Amino acid sequence: MQETTRTRIEAEVFQRLLRHLDERKDVQNIDLMNLAGFCRNCLAKWYVAAAESNGAEIDLDQAREIIYGMPYAEWKRLHQKEATPEQRRSFSESQSAGNADA
């Protein structure tokens, strides 16, 4: 497969992932972290790092707006729920095991 084709496919997959996450606002970041070891905030941080490594400047707030589809504060206000004690415990256990790459 040619590099440009692979890059276009990867971009399309990433855009589909963002649409999927947007359609599943009920899935909280802590759920993603507990199950997959990454969340929407991780994607935003990775976006900033990729931009920097490609000579582009973007700050975390701008990247979060791309990932969340709206300003982060607004998304939190509209969609983020308080983490349950079980979610917090699972998160703490995964962090101590070194499973999260945030």
PDB file of N, CA and C in Angstrom:
ATOM      1  N   MET A   1       0.847  -1.175   0.000  1.00  0.00           N
ATOM      2  CA  MET A   1       0.000   0.000   0.000  1.00  0.00           C
ATOM      3  C   MET A   1       0.896   1.243   0.000  1.00  0.00           C
ATOM      4  N   GLN A   2       0.520   2.211  -0.797  1.00  0.00           N
ATOM      5  CA  GLN A   2       1.296   3.447  -0.851  1.00  0.00           C
ATOM      6  C   GLN A   2       1.114   4.251   0.437  1.00  0.00           C
ATOM      7  N   GLU A   3       2.165   4.972   0.793  1.00  0.00           N
ATOM      8  CA  GLU A   3       2.161   5.788   2.022  1.00  0.00           C
ATOM      9  C   GLU A   3       1.003   6.785   2.036  1.00  0.00           C
ATOM     10  N   THR A   4       0.758   7.473   0.923  1.00  0.00           N
ATOM     11  CA  THR A   4      -0.325   8.469   0.891  1.00  0.00           C
ATOM     12  C   THR A   4      -1.689   7.809   1.063  1.00  0.00           C
ATOM     13  N   THR A   5      -1.863   6.622   0.493  1.00  0.00           N
ATOM     14  CA  THR A   5      -3.124   5.891   0.658  1.00  0.00           C
ATOM     15  C   THR A   5      -3.302   5.480   2.113  1.00  0.00           C
ATOM     16  N   ARG A   6      -2.242   4.954   2.702  1.00  0.00           N
ATOM     17  CA  ARG A   6      -2.302   4.550   4.113  1.00  0.00           C
ATOM     18  C   ARG A   6      -2.634   5.742   5.005  1.00  0.00           C
ATOM     19  N   THR A   7      -2.010   6.881   4.738  1.00  0.00           N
ATOM     20  CA  THR A   7      -2.267   8.086   5.531  1.00  0.00           C
ATOM     21  C   THR A   7      -3.718   8.537   5.374  1.00  0.00           C
ATOM     22  N   ARG A   8      -4.260   8.493   4.171  1.00  0.00           N
ATOM     23  CA  ARG A   8      -5.670   8.870   3.955  1.00  0.00           C
ATOM     24  C   ARG A   8      -6.601   7.918   4.702  1.00  0.00           C
ATOM     25  N   ILE A   9      -6.289   6.634   4.668  1.00  0.00           N
ATOM     26  CA  ILE A   9      -7.105   5.644   5.377  1.00  0.00           C
ATOM     27  C   ILE A   9      -7.046   5.896   6.873  1.00  0.00           C
ATOM     28  N   GLU A  10      -5.849   6.130   7.392  1.00  0.00           N
ATOM     29  CA  GLU A  10      -5.698   6.400   8.828  1.00  0.00           C
ATOM     30  C   GLU A  10      -6.462   7.658   9.232  1.00  0.00           C
ATOM     31  N   ALA A  11      -6.410   8.686   8.406  1.00  0.00           N
ATOM     32  CA  ALA A  11      -7.153   9.917   8.697  1.00  0.00           C
ATOM     33  C   ALA A  11      -8.651   9.642   8.726  1.00  0.00           C
ATOM     34  N   GLU A  12      -9.137   8.850   7.787  1.00  0.00           N
ATOM     35  CA  GLU A  12     -10.562   8.524   7.755  1.00  0.00           C
ATOM     36  C   GLU A  12     -10.978   7.714   8.983  1.00  0.00           C
ATOM     37  N   VAL A  13     -10.125   6.782   9.392  1.00  0.00           N
ATOM     38  CA  VAL A  13     -10.412   5.985  10.583  1.00  0.00           C
ATOM     39  C   VAL A  13     -10.446   6.882  11.823  1.00  0.00           C
ATOM     40  N   PHE A  14      -9.490   7.798  11.932  1.00  0.00           N
ATOM     41  CA  PHE A  14      -9.460   8.723  13.069  1.00  0.00           C
ATOM     42  C   PHE A  14     -10.716   9.594  13.093  1.00  0.00           C
ATOM     43  N   GLN A  15     -11.117  10.105  11.945  1.00  0.00           N
ATOM     44  CA  GLN A  15     -12.334  10.918  11.873  1.00  0.00           C
ATOM     45  C   GLN A  15     -13.554  10.096  12.270  1.00  0.00           C
ATOM     46  N   ARG A  16     -13.593   8.827  11.876  1.00  0.00           N
ATOM     47  CA  ARG A  16     -14.704   7.955  12.276  1.00  0.00           C
ATOM     48  C   ARG A  16     -14.688   7.714  13.777  1.00  0.00           C
ATOM     49  N   LEU A  17     -13.510   7.548  14.352  1.00  0.00           N
ATOM     50  CA  LEU A  17     -13.404   7.385  15.805  1.00  0.00           C
ATOM     51  C   LEU A  17     -13.968   8.608  16.512  1.00  0.00           C
ATOM     52  N   LEU A  18     -13.625   9.801  16.038  1.00  0.00           N
ATOM     53  CA  LEU A  18     -14.148  11.027  16.658  1.00  0.00           C
ATOM     54  C   LEU A  18     -15.669  11.095  16.534  1.00  0.00           C
ATOM     55  N   ARG A  19     -16.209  10.720  15.373  1.00  0.00           N
ATOM     56  CA  ARG A  19     -17.679  10.719  15.212  1.00  0.00           C
ATOM     57  C   ARG A  19     -18.312   9.707  16.162  1.00  0.00           C
ATOM     58  N   HIS A  20     -17.689   8.552  16.277  1.00  0.00           N
ATOM     59  CA  HIS A  20     -18.215   7.519  17.168  1.00  0.00           C
ATOM     60  C   HIS A  20     -18.226   8.008  18.620  1.00  0.00           C
ATOM     61  N   LEU A  21     -17.125   8.602  19.059  1.00  0.00           N
ATOM     62  CA  LEU A  21     -17.077   9.137  20.418  1.00  0.00           C
ATOM     63  C   LEU A  21     -18.101  10.245  20.605  1.00  0.00           C
ATOM     64  N   ASP A  22     -18.317  11.054  19.571  1.00  0.00           N
ATOM     65  CA  ASP A  22     -19.311  12.112  19.657  1.00  0.00           C
ATOM     66  C   ASP A  22     -20.719  11.535  19.791  1.00  0.00           C
ATOM     67  N   GLU A  23     -20.963  10.425  19.118  1.00  0.00           N
ATOM     68  CA  GLU A  23     -22.270   9.770  19.201  1.00  0.00           C
ATOM     69  C   GLU A  23     -22.461   9.065  20.540  1.00  0.00           C
ATOM     70  N   ARG A  24     -21.374   8.803  21.251  1.00  0.00           N
ATOM     71  CA  ARG A  24     -21.431   8.081  22.522  1.00  0.00           C
ATOM     72  C   ARG A  24     -20.989   8.956  23.683  1.00  0.00           C
ATOM     73  N   LYS A  25     -21.634  10.106  23.802  1.00  0.00           N
ATOM     74  CA  LYS A  25     -21.315  11.008  24.910  1.00  0.00           C
ATOM     75  C   LYS A  25     -21.625  10.369  26.258  1.00  0.00           C
ATOM     76  N   ASP A  26     -22.453   9.318  26.250  1.00  0.00           N
ATOM     77  CA  ASP A  26     -22.768   8.611  27.483  1.00  0.00           C
ATOM     78  C   ASP A  26     -21.558   7.857  28.032  1.00  0.00           C
ATOM     79  N   VAL A  27     -20.603   7.565  27.182  1.00  0.00           N
ATOM     80  CA  VAL A  27     -19.382   6.879  27.628  1.00  0.00           C
ATOM     81  C   VAL A  27     -18.445   7.934  28.208  1.00  0.00           C
ATOM     82  N   GLN A  28     -18.226   7.825  29.481  1.00  0.00           N
ATOM     83  CA  GLN A  28     -17.411   8.802  30.188  1.00  0.00           C
ATOM     84  C   GLN A  28     -15.923   8.514  29.965  1.00  0.00           C
ATOM     85  N   ASN A  29     -15.108   9.556  30.087  1.00  0.00           N
ATOM     86  CA  ASN A  29     -13.663   9.390  29.926  1.00  0.00           C
ATOM     87  C   ASN A  29     -13.097   8.372  30.905  1.00  0.00           C
ATOM     88  N   ILE A  30     -13.594   8.359  32.112  1.00  0.00           N
ATOM     89  CA  ILE A  30     -13.064   7.411  33.097  1.00  0.00           C
ATOM     90  C   ILE A  30     -13.373   5.981  32.674  1.00  0.00           C
ATOM     91  N   ASP A  31     -14.527   5.763  32.007  1.00  0.00           N
ATOM     92  CA  ASP A  31     -14.842   4.432  31.482  1.00  0.00           C
ATOM     93  C   ASP A  31     -13.835   4.034  30.407  1.00  0.00           C
ATOM     94  N   LEU A  32     -13.533   4.977  29.514  1.00  0.00           N
ATOM     95  CA  LEU A  32     -12.546   4.710  28.469  1.00  0.00           C
ATOM     96  C   LEU A  32     -11.185   4.392  29.085  1.00  0.00           C
ATOM     97  N   MET A  33     -10.773   5.191  30.064  1.00  0.00           N
ATOM     98  CA  MET A  33      -9.473   4.961  30.717  1.00  0.00           C
ATOM     99  C   MET A  33      -9.448   3.590  31.389  1.00  0.00           C
ATOM    100  N   ASN A  34     -10.524   3.237  32.065  1.00  0.00           N
ATOM    101  CA  ASN A  34     -10.558   1.964  32.783  1.00  0.00           C
ATOM    102  C   ASN A  34     -10.555   0.774  31.838  1.00  0.00           C
ATOM    103  N   LEU A  35     -11.202   0.904  30.701  1.00  0.00           N
ATOM    104  CA  LEU A  35     -11.307  -0.221  29.778  1.00  0.00           C
ATOM    105  C   LEU A  35     -10.209  -0.258  28.719  1.00  0.00           C
ATOM    106  N   ALA A  36      -9.799   0.923  28.246  1.00  0.00           N
ATOM    107  CA  ALA A  36      -8.883   0.957  27.107  1.00  0.00           C
ATOM    108  C   ALA A  36      -7.543   1.617  27.405  1.00  0.00           C
ATOM    109  N   GLY A  37      -7.444   2.295  28.535  1.00  0.00           N
ATOM    110  CA  GLY A  37      -6.183   2.937  28.884  1.00  0.00           C
ATOM    111  C   GLY A  37      -5.949   4.269  28.198  1.00  0.00           C
ATOM    112  N   PHE A  38      -6.983   4.819  27.554  1.00  0.00           N
ATOM    113  CA  PHE A  38      -6.910   6.157  26.964  1.00  0.00           C
ATOM    114  C   PHE A  38      -8.304   6.746  26.960  1.00  0.00           C
ATOM    115  N   CYS A  39      -8.371   8.071  26.787  1.00  0.00           N
ATOM    116  CA  CYS A  39      -9.663   8.748  26.761  1.00  0.00           C
ATOM    117  C   CYS A  39      -9.599   9.905  25.765  1.00  0.00           C
ATOM    118  N   ARG A  40     -10.646  10.679  25.724  1.00  0.00           N
ATOM    119  CA  ARG A  40     -10.694  11.828  24.817  1.00  0.00           C
ATOM    120  C   ARG A  40      -9.564  12.819  25.119  1.00  0.00           C
ATOM    121  N   ASN A  41      -9.264  13.013  26.401  1.00  0.00           N
ATOM    122  CA  ASN A  41      -8.170  13.922  26.766  1.00  0.00           C
ATOM    123  C   ASN A  41      -6.826  13.395  26.281  1.00  0.00           C
ATOM    124  N   CYS A  42      -6.638  12.082  26.331  1.00  0.00           N
ATOM    125  CA  CYS A  42      -5.408  11.493  25.799  1.00  0.00           C
ATOM    126  C   CYS A  42      -5.307  11.783  24.309  1.00  0.00           C
ATOM    127  N   LEU A  43      -6.411  11.603  23.583  1.00  0.00           N
ATOM    128  CA  LEU A  43      -6.398  11.895  22.149  1.00  0.00           C
ATOM    129  C   LEU A  43      -5.999  13.342  21.895  1.00  0.00           C
ATOM    130  N   ALA A  44      -6.516  14.256  22.703  1.00  0.00           N
ATOM    131  CA  ALA A  44      -6.167  15.674  22.533  1.00  0.00           C
ATOM    132  C   ALA A  44      -4.672  15.894  22.780  1.00  0.00           C
ATOM    133  N   LYS A  45      -4.125  15.255  23.802  1.00  0.00           N
ATOM    134  CA  LYS A  45      -2.691  15.382  24.089  1.00  0.00           C
ATOM    135  C   LYS A  45      -1.868  14.785  22.959  1.00  0.00           C
ATOM    136  N   TRP A  46      -2.288  13.653  22.426  1.00  0.00           N
ATOM    137  CA  TRP A  46      -1.584  13.032  21.304  1.00  0.00           C
ATOM    138  C   TRP A  46      -1.667  13.924  20.069  1.00  0.00           C
ATOM    139  N   TYR A  47      -2.796  14.602  19.904  1.00  0.00           N
ATOM    140  CA  TYR A  47      -2.983  15.519  18.771  1.00  0.00           C
ATOM    141  C   TYR A  47      -1.970  16.664  18.862  1.00  0.00           C
ATOM    142  N   VAL A  48      -1.832  17.228  20.057  1.00  0.00           N
ATOM    143  CA  VAL A  48      -0.857  18.311  20.274  1.00  0.00           C
ATOM    144  C   VAL A  48       0.552  17.813  19.967  1.00  0.00           C
ATOM    145  N   ALA A  49       0.891  16.633  20.462  1.00  0.00           N
ATOM    146  CA  ALA A  49       2.238  16.084  20.242  1.00  0.00           C
ATOM    147  C   ALA A  49       2.493  15.840  18.759  1.00  0.00           C
ATOM    148  N   ALA A  50       1.494  15.307  18.053  1.00  0.00           N
ATOM    149  CA  ALA A  50       1.657  15.054  16.617  1.00  0.00           C
ATOM    150  C   ALA A  50       1.795  16.361  15.846  1.00  0.00           C
ATOM    151  N   ALA A  51       1.030  17.362  16.249  1.00  0.00           N
ATOM    152  CA  ALA A  51       1.138  18.668  15.595  1.00  0.00           C
ATOM    153  C   ALA A  51       2.542  19.229  15.787  1.00  0.00           C
ATOM    154  N   GLU A  52       3.034  19.179  17.026  1.00  0.00           N
ATOM    155  CA  GLU A  52       4.371  19.696  17.315  1.00  0.00           C
ATOM    156  C   GLU A  52       5.441  18.952  16.523  1.00  0.00           C
ATOM    157  N   SER A  53       5.313  17.632  16.421  1.00  0.00           N
ATOM    158  CA  SER A  53       6.330  16.859  15.703  1.00  0.00           C
ATOM    159  C   SER A  53       6.274  17.101  14.198  1.00  0.00           C
ATOM    160  N   ASN A  54       5.189  17.719  13.744  1.00  0.00           N
ATOM    161  CA  ASN A  54       5.057  18.064  12.325  1.00  0.00           C
ATOM    162  C   ASN A  54       5.189  19.560  12.081  1.00  0.00           C
ATOM    163  N   GLY A  55       5.700  20.279  13.068  1.00  0.00           N
ATOM    164  CA  GLY A  55       5.975  21.701  12.907  1.00  0.00           C
ATOM    165  C   GLY A  55       4.764  22.611  12.980  1.00  0.00           C
ATOM    166  N   ALA A  56       3.653  22.104  13.486  1.00  0.00           N
ATOM    167  CA  ALA A  56       2.445  22.922  13.627  1.00  0.00           C
ATOM    168  C   ALA A  56       2.247  23.266  15.098  1.00  0.00           C
ATOM    169  N   GLU A  57       1.653  24.418  15.332  1.00  0.00           N
ATOM    170  CA  GLU A  57       1.390  24.834  16.709  1.00  0.00           C
ATOM    171  C   GLU A  57      -0.102  24.745  16.992  1.00  0.00           C
ATOM    172  N   ILE A  58      -0.421  24.049  18.056  1.00  0.00           N
ATOM    173  CA  ILE A  58      -1.798  23.962  18.535  1.00  0.00           C
ATOM    174  C   ILE A  58      -1.708  23.754  20.037  1.00  0.00           C
ATOM    175  N   ASP A  59      -2.565  24.428  20.780  1.00  0.00           N
ATOM    176  CA  ASP A  59      -2.518  24.223  22.225  1.00  0.00           C
ATOM    177  C   ASP A  59      -3.559  23.177  22.633  1.00  0.00           C
ATOM    178  N   LEU A  60      -3.489  22.771  23.887  1.00  0.00           N
ATOM    179  CA  LEU A  60      -4.359  21.705  24.380  1.00  0.00           C
ATOM    180  C   LEU A  60      -5.830  22.080  24.269  1.00  0.00           C
ATOM    181  N   ASP A  61      -6.179  23.325  24.547  1.00  0.00           N
ATOM    182  CA  ASP A  61      -7.579  23.734  24.438  1.00  0.00           C
ATOM    183  C   ASP A  61      -8.084  23.609  23.000  1.00  0.00           C
ATOM    184  N   GLN A  62      -7.260  24.000  22.043  1.00  0.00           N
ATOM    185  CA  GLN A  62      -7.650  23.874  20.636  1.00  0.00           C
ATOM    186  C   GLN A  62      -7.798  22.402  20.252  1.00  0.00           C
ATOM    187  N   ALA A  63      -6.870  21.577  20.696  1.00  0.00           N
ATOM    188  CA  ALA A  63      -6.944  20.151  20.384  1.00  0.00           C
ATOM    189  C   ALA A  63      -8.167  19.513  21.030  1.00  0.00           C
ATOM    190  N   ARG A  64      -8.457  19.887  22.266  1.00  0.00           N
ATOM    191  CA  ARG A  64      -9.657  19.353  22.924  1.00  0.00           C
ATOM    192  C   ARG A  64     -10.914  19.736  22.163  1.00  0.00           C
ATOM    193  N   GLU A  65     -10.972  20.947  21.648  1.00  0.00           N
ATOM    194  CA  GLU A  65     -12.151  21.362  20.889  1.00  0.00           C
ATOM    195  C   GLU A  65     -12.300  20.512  19.627  1.00  0.00           C
ATOM    196  N   ILE A  66     -11.202  20.150  19.007  1.00  0.00           N
ATOM    197  CA  ILE A  66     -11.249  19.265  17.837  1.00  0.00           C
ATOM    198  C   ILE A  66     -11.760  17.889  18.246  1.00  0.00           C
ATOM    199  N   ILE A  67     -11.237  17.356  19.331  1.00  0.00           N
ATOM    200  CA  ILE A  67     -11.602  16.013  19.775  1.00  0.00           C
ATOM    201  C   ILE A  67     -13.035  15.966  20.298  1.00  0.00           C
ATOM    202  N   TYR A  68     -13.413  16.947  21.103  1.00  0.00           N
ATOM    203  CA  TYR A  68     -14.735  16.955  21.724  1.00  0.00           C
ATOM    204  C   TYR A  68     -15.821  17.541  20.822  1.00  0.00           C
ATOM    205  N   GLY A  69     -15.423  18.276  19.783  1.00  0.00           N
ATOM    206  CA  GLY A  69     -16.401  18.897  18.899  1.00  0.00           C
ATOM    207  C   GLY A  69     -17.029  20.146  19.479  1.00  0.00           C
ATOM    208  N   MET A  70     -16.482  20.617  20.574  1.00  0.00           N
ATOM    209  CA  MET A  70     -16.947  21.834  21.250  1.00  0.00           C
ATOM    210  C   MET A  70     -15.908  22.179  22.304  1.00  0.00           C
ATOM    211  N   PRO A  71     -15.975  23.381  22.865  1.00  0.00           N
ATOM    212  CA  PRO A  71     -15.040  23.697  23.952  1.00  0.00           C
ATOM    213  C   PRO A  71     -15.163  22.684  25.091  1.00  0.00           C
ATOM    214  N   TYR A  72     -14.022  22.311  25.646  1.00  0.00           N
ATOM    215  CA  TYR A  72     -13.975  21.280  26.682  1.00  0.00           C
ATOM    216  C   TYR A  72     -14.869  21.626  27.879  1.00  0.00           C
ATOM    217  N   ALA A  73     -14.843  22.862  28.317  1.00  0.00           N
ATOM    218  CA  ALA A  73     -15.662  23.260  29.478  1.00  0.00           C
ATOM    219  C   ALA A  73     -17.144  23.033  29.190  1.00  0.00           C
ATOM    220  N   GLU A  74     -17.559  23.318  27.975  1.00  0.00           N
ATOM    221  CA  GLU A  74     -18.966  23.109  27.606  1.00  0.00           C
ATOM    222  C   GLU A  74     -19.297  21.618  27.597  1.00  0.00           C
ATOM    223  N   TRP A  75     -18.407  20.808  27.028  1.00  0.00           N
ATOM    224  CA  TRP A  75     -18.636  19.357  26.998  1.00  0.00           C
ATOM    225  C   TRP A  75     -18.766  18.817  28.420  1.00  0.00           C
ATOM    226  N   LYS A  76     -17.848  19.248  29.297  1.00  0.00           N
ATOM    227  CA  LYS A  76     -17.900  18.793  30.690  1.00  0.00           C
ATOM    228  C   LYS A  76     -19.220  19.174  31.334  1.00  0.00           C
ATOM    229  N   ARG A  77     -19.645  20.424  31.118  1.00  0.00           N
ATOM    230  CA  ARG A  77     -20.889  20.903  31.719  1.00  0.00           C
ATOM    231  C   ARG A  77     -22.098  20.095  31.217  1.00  0.00           C
ATOM    232  N   LEU A  78     -22.100  19.785  29.936  1.00  0.00           N
ATOM    233  CA  LEU A  78     -23.245  19.112  29.335  1.00  0.00           C
ATOM    234  C   LEU A  78     -23.245  17.593  29.510  1.00  0.00           C
ATOM    235  N   HIS A  79     -22.057  16.981  29.557  1.00  0.00           N
ATOM    236  CA  HIS A  79     -22.006  15.526  29.417  1.00  0.00           C
ATOM    237  C   HIS A  79     -21.237  14.773  30.502  1.00  0.00           C
ATOM    238  N   GLN A  80     -20.349  15.428  31.216  1.00  0.00           N
ATOM    239  CA  GLN A  80     -19.547  14.696  32.196  1.00  0.00           C
ATOM    240  C   GLN A  80     -20.316  14.502  33.484  1.00  0.00           C
ATOM    241  N   LYS A  81     -20.301  13.276  33.960  1.00  0.00           N
ATOM    242  CA  LYS A  81     -20.954  12.935  35.223  1.00  0.00           C
ATOM    243  C   LYS A  81     -19.886  12.687  36.280  1.00  0.00           C
ATOM    244  N   GLU A  82     -20.272  12.783  37.518  1.00  0.00           N
ATOM    245  CA  GLU A  82     -19.370  12.487  38.634  1.00  0.00           C
ATOM    246  C   GLU A  82     -18.996  11.003  38.572  1.00  0.00           C
ATOM    247  N   ALA A  83     -17.728  10.707  38.715  1.00  0.00           N
ATOM    248  CA  ALA A  83     -17.273   9.322  38.705  1.00  0.00           C
ATOM    249  C   ALA A  83     -17.782   8.594  39.941  1.00  0.00           C
ATOM    250  N   THR A  84     -18.177   7.357  39.741  1.00  0.00           N
ATOM    251  CA  THR A  84     -18.640   6.543  40.866  1.00  0.00           C
ATOM    252  C   THR A  84     -17.430   6.053  41.661  1.00  0.00           C
ATOM    253  N   PRO A  85     -17.652   5.640  42.902  1.00  0.00           N
ATOM    254  CA  PRO A  85     -16.534   5.072  43.677  1.00  0.00           C
ATOM    255  C   PRO A  85     -15.889   3.879  42.960  1.00  0.00           C
ATOM    256  N   GLU A  86     -16.686   3.044  42.309  1.00  0.00           N
ATOM    257  CA  GLU A  86     -16.141   1.894  41.578  1.00  0.00           C
ATOM    258  C   GLU A  86     -15.268   2.347  40.406  1.00  0.00           C
ATOM    259  N   GLN A  87     -15.715   3.366  39.669  1.00  0.00           N
ATOM    260  CA  GLN A  87     -14.920   3.889  38.558  1.00  0.00           C
ATOM    261  C   GLN A  87     -13.593   4.449  39.067  1.00  0.00           C
ATOM    262  N   ARG A  88     -13.653   5.202  40.168  1.00  0.00           N
ATOM    263  CA  ARG A  88     -12.429   5.775  40.739  1.00  0.00           C
ATOM    264  C   ARG A  88     -11.461   4.693  41.205  1.00  0.00           C
ATOM    265  N   ARG A  89     -12.006   3.641  41.824  1.00  0.00           N
ATOM    266  CA  ARG A  89     -11.164   2.534  42.294  1.00  0.00           C
ATOM    267  C   ARG A  89     -10.492   1.838  41.104  1.00  0.00           C
ATOM    268  N   SER A  90     -11.262   1.550  40.062  1.00  0.00           N
ATOM    269  CA  SER A  90     -10.688   0.908  38.867  1.00  0.00           C
ATOM    270  C   SER A  90      -9.613   1.784  38.240  1.00  0.00           C
ATOM    271  N   PHE A  91      -9.868   3.088  38.195  1.00  0.00           N
ATOM    272  CA  PHE A  91      -8.889   4.012  37.627  1.00  0.00           C
ATOM    273  C   PHE A  91      -7.616   4.008  38.459  1.00  0.00           C
ATOM    274  N   SER A  92      -7.768   4.077  39.762  1.00  0.00           N
ATOM    275  CA  SER A  92      -6.611   4.077  40.656  1.00  0.00           C
ATOM    276  C   SER A  92      -5.797   2.794  40.488  1.00  0.00           C
ATOM    277  N   GLU A  93      -6.481   1.668  40.383  1.00  0.00           N
ATOM    278  CA  GLU A  93      -5.797   0.390  40.208  1.00  0.00           C
ATOM    279  C   GLU A  93      -5.055   0.345  38.875  1.00  0.00           C
ATOM    280  N   SER A  94      -5.673   0.846  37.825  1.00  0.00           N
ATOM    281  CA  SER A  94      -5.020   0.826  36.513  1.00  0.00           C
ATOM    282  C   SER A  94      -3.818   1.768  36.481  1.00  0.00           C
ATOM    283  N   GLN A  95      -3.902   2.901  37.182  1.00  0.00           N
ATOM    284  CA  GLN A  95      -2.787   3.840  37.239  1.00  0.00           C
ATOM    285  C   GLN A  95      -1.612   3.240  37.998  1.00  0.00           C
ATOM    286  N   SER A  96      -1.905   2.567  39.091  1.00  0.00           N
ATOM    287  CA  SER A  96      -0.824   1.980  39.869  1.00  0.00           C
ATOM    288  C   SER A  96      -0.183   0.802  39.140  1.00  0.00           C
ATOM    289  N   ALA A  97      -0.935   0.177  38.236  1.00  0.00           N
ATOM    290  CA  ALA A  97      -0.384  -0.931  37.439  1.00  0.00           C
ATOM    291  C   ALA A  97       0.371  -0.421  36.213  1.00  0.00           C
ATOM    292  N   GLY A  98       0.272   0.905  35.963  1.00  0.00           N
ATOM    293  CA  GLY A  98       0.993   1.488  34.842  1.00  0.00           C
ATOM    294  C   GLY A  98       0.355   1.225  33.497  1.00  0.00           C
ATOM    295  N   ASN A  99      -0.968   1.025  33.463  1.00  0.00           N
ATOM    296  CA  ASN A  99      -1.658   0.702  32.226  1.00  0.00           C
ATOM    297  C   ASN A  99      -2.076   1.907  31.427  1.00  0.00           C
ATOM    298  N   ALA A 100      -2.070   3.096  31.979  1.00  0.00           N
ATOM    299  CA  ALA A 100      -2.574   4.262  31.256  1.00  0.00           C
ATOM    300  C   ALA A 100      -1.412   4.993  30.582  1.00  0.00           C
ATOM    301  N   ASP A 101      -1.660   5.412  29.348  1.00  0.00           N
ATOM    302  CA  ASP A 101      -0.664   6.156  28.564  1.00  0.00           C
ATOM    303  C   ASP A 101      -1.240   7.530  28.266  1.00  0.00           C
ATOM    304  N   ALA A 102      -1.390   8.335  29.315  1.00  0.00           N
ATOM    305  CA  ALA A 102      -2.046   9.634  29.130  1.00  0.00           C
ATOM    306  C   ALA A 102      -1.047  10.715  28.887  1.00  0.00           C
TER     307      ALA A 102
END
